[in-house]
Amino acid sequence: MDKKYVTLFKELAKTTAASAETVMEYDREKGDEKGLETATIMRDDYQMLTEAITNAGDNYVPTKNEAAKLLVGAMVVVNQLQDQINNLRKAIQGYQTNLIPKLQEIVDNATTDDDARQMAEASFIFEDNK
């Protein structure tokens, strides 16, 4: 097995353990004891997997159980990345369809700083604040 996969598996296990930590914090804040227990078990499992990979070094080859954990971890990471991509797309769309056109209109049409301020006051209002 290629050493790069060993490194990838180790990072995947670390990342999944860190994700479980984040869920633990959320569950603590919400007082969700069952969720906290589940996230704690997940964090511990992935920390142990990280240790197993680290201890084996370049000779690491996953067992069936470890491959299943790595599969779940990969699915968690993919979902998180997909959420990040979706949030970035929303941000880009907001810039392109809202902010940039409004700023462009001010730049194109304001003849004085007072004009610019008045246009900004009228343009930069969120719909839910009206």
Protein backbone atom coordinates (compact mmCIF):
# COMPACT_ATOMS: atom_id res chain seq x y z
CA MET A 1 0.00 0.00 0.00
CA ASP A 2 1.28 3.46 -0.89
CA LYS A 3 2.60 5.57 2.00
CA LYS A 4 0.50 8.50 0.81
CA TYR A 5 -2.62 6.51 1.64
CA VAL A 6 -1.29 5.87 5.13
CA THR A 7 -0.88 9.62 5.55
CA LEU A 8 -4.34 10.24 4.08
CA PHE A 9 -5.93 7.68 6.42
CA LYS A 10 -4.20 9.20 9.43
CA GLU A 11 -5.36 12.71 8.51
CA LEU A 12 -8.86 11.42 7.84
CA ALA A 13 -9.01 9.78 11.26
CA LYS A 14 -7.71 12.97 12.92
CA THR A 15 -10.20 15.13 11.04
CA THR A 16 -13.10 12.88 11.96
CA ALA A 17 -12.07 12.91 15.62
CA ALA A 18 -11.94 16.72 15.48
CA SER A 19 -15.38 16.83 13.87
CA ALA A 20 -16.72 14.65 16.65
CA GLU A 21 -15.19 17.12 19.16
CA THR A 22 -17.13 19.93 17.51
CA VAL A 23 -20.33 17.92 17.76
CA MET A 24 -19.54 17.22 21.42
CA GLU A 25 -19.27 20.96 22.12
CA TYR A 26 -22.56 21.58 20.34
CA ASP A 27 -24.29 18.77 22.25
CA ARG A 28 -22.91 20.10 25.55
CA GLU A 29 -24.29 23.57 24.80
CA LYS A 30 -27.70 22.12 23.88
CA GLY A 31 -27.77 19.76 26.86
CA ASP A 32 -28.12 16.74 24.57
CA GLU A 33 -26.68 13.97 26.75
CA LYS A 34 -27.39 11.17 24.28
CA GLY A 35 -25.80 13.12 21.42
CA LEU A 36 -22.83 13.96 23.63
CA GLU A 37 -22.37 10.30 24.50
CA THR A 38 -22.51 9.26 20.84
CA ALA A 39 -20.10 12.01 19.75
CA THR A 40 -17.70 11.10 22.58
CA ILE A 41 -17.64 7.46 21.49
CA MET A 42 -17.01 8.55 17.90
CA ARG A 43 -14.20 10.89 18.96
CA ASP A 44 -12.58 8.16 21.06
CA ASP A 45 -12.86 5.60 18.23
CA TYR A 46 -11.19 7.91 15.74
CA GLN A 47 -8.49 8.93 18.20
CA MET A 48 -7.71 5.24 18.73
CA LEU A 49 -7.68 4.72 14.96
CA THR A 50 -5.27 7.66 14.58
CA GLU A 51 -3.00 6.08 17.21
CA ALA A 52 -3.15 2.68 15.49
CA ILE A 53 -2.16 4.22 12.16
CA THR A 54 0.60 6.28 13.79
CA ASN A 55 1.98 3.26 15.66
CA ALA A 56 2.02 1.11 12.52
CA GLY A 57 3.72 3.86 10.52
CA ASP A 58 4.34 3.21 6.85
CA ASN A 59 3.38 -0.45 7.36
CA TYR A 60 -0.25 0.39 8.19
CA VAL A 61 -2.91 -1.58 6.32
CA PRO A 62 -6.51 -1.20 7.51
CA THR A 63 -8.53 -4.08 8.85
CA LYS A 64 -12.13 -4.50 7.70
CA ASN A 65 -13.37 -2.69 10.82
CA GLU A 66 -10.87 0.13 10.31
CA ALA A 67 -11.81 0.39 6.63
CA ALA A 68 -15.45 0.78 7.72
CA LYS A 69 -14.46 3.58 10.12
CA LEU A 70 -12.40 5.25 7.41
CA LEU A 71 -15.37 4.99 5.05
CA VAL A 72 -17.65 6.71 7.57
CA GLY A 73 -14.97 9.33 8.19
CA ALA A 74 -14.61 10.00 4.48
CA MET A 75 -18.37 10.39 4.16
CA VAL A 76 -18.42 12.85 7.07
CA VAL A 77 -15.60 14.89 5.53
CA VAL A 78 -17.27 14.91 2.11
CA ASN A 79 -20.52 16.15 3.67
CA GLN A 80 -18.66 18.90 5.52
CA LEU A 81 -16.82 19.94 2.36
CA GLN A 82 -20.10 19.94 0.42
CA ASP A 83 -21.65 22.20 3.07
CA GLN A 84 -18.67 24.56 2.80
CA ILE A 85 -18.97 24.61 -0.99
CA ASN A 86 -22.68 25.37 -0.76
CA ASN A 87 -22.03 28.20 1.71
CA LEU A 88 -19.33 29.64 -0.56
CA ARG A 89 -21.68 29.46 -3.54
CA LYS A 90 -24.34 31.36 -1.56
CA ALA A 91 -21.78 33.99 -0.57
CA ILE A 92 -20.60 34.38 -4.18
CA GLN A 93 -24.18 34.66 -5.39
CA GLY A 94 -24.88 37.33 -2.77
CA TYR A 95 -21.87 39.34 -3.86
CA GLN A 96 -22.72 38.99 -7.55
CA THR A 97 -26.45 39.64 -7.38
CA ASN A 98 -26.68 42.09 -4.49
CA LEU A 99 -23.54 43.81 -3.25
CA ILE A 100 -21.58 44.34 -6.47
CA PRO A 101 -24.53 45.77 -8.47
CA LYS A 102 -25.41 48.17 -5.65
CA LEU A 103 -21.83 49.35 -5.28
CA GLN A 104 -21.50 49.63 -9.06
CA GLU A 105 -24.62 51.79 -9.20
CA ILE A 106 -23.20 54.15 -6.59
CA VAL A 107 -19.86 54.37 -8.41
CA ASP A 108 -21.58 54.93 -11.77
CA ASN A 109 -24.26 57.39 -10.68
CA ALA A 110 -23.17 59.33 -7.60
CA THR A 111 -21.73 62.70 -8.49
CA THR A 112 -20.80 63.71 -4.93
CA ASP A 113 -20.03 62.02 -1.65
CA ASP A 114 -23.44 63.13 -0.39
CA ASP A 115 -25.08 61.41 -3.37
CA ALA A 116 -23.08 58.27 -2.62
CA ARG A 117 -24.11 58.33 1.04
CA GLN A 118 -27.78 58.82 0.18
CA MET A 119 -27.70 56.01 -2.35
CA ALA A 120 -25.94 53.75 0.14
CA GLU A 121 -28.52 54.56 2.84
CA ALA A 122 -31.31 53.62 0.43
CA SER A 123 -29.61 50.56 -1.07
CA PHE A 124 -28.02 48.75 1.85
CA ILE A 125 -31.08 47.56 3.75
CA PHE A 126 -31.84 43.89 4.37
CA GLU A 127 -35.34 42.91 3.33
CA ASP A 128 -36.26 41.65 6.80
CA ASN A 129 -35.42 45.09 8.28
CA LYS A 130 -37.99 46.94 6.18
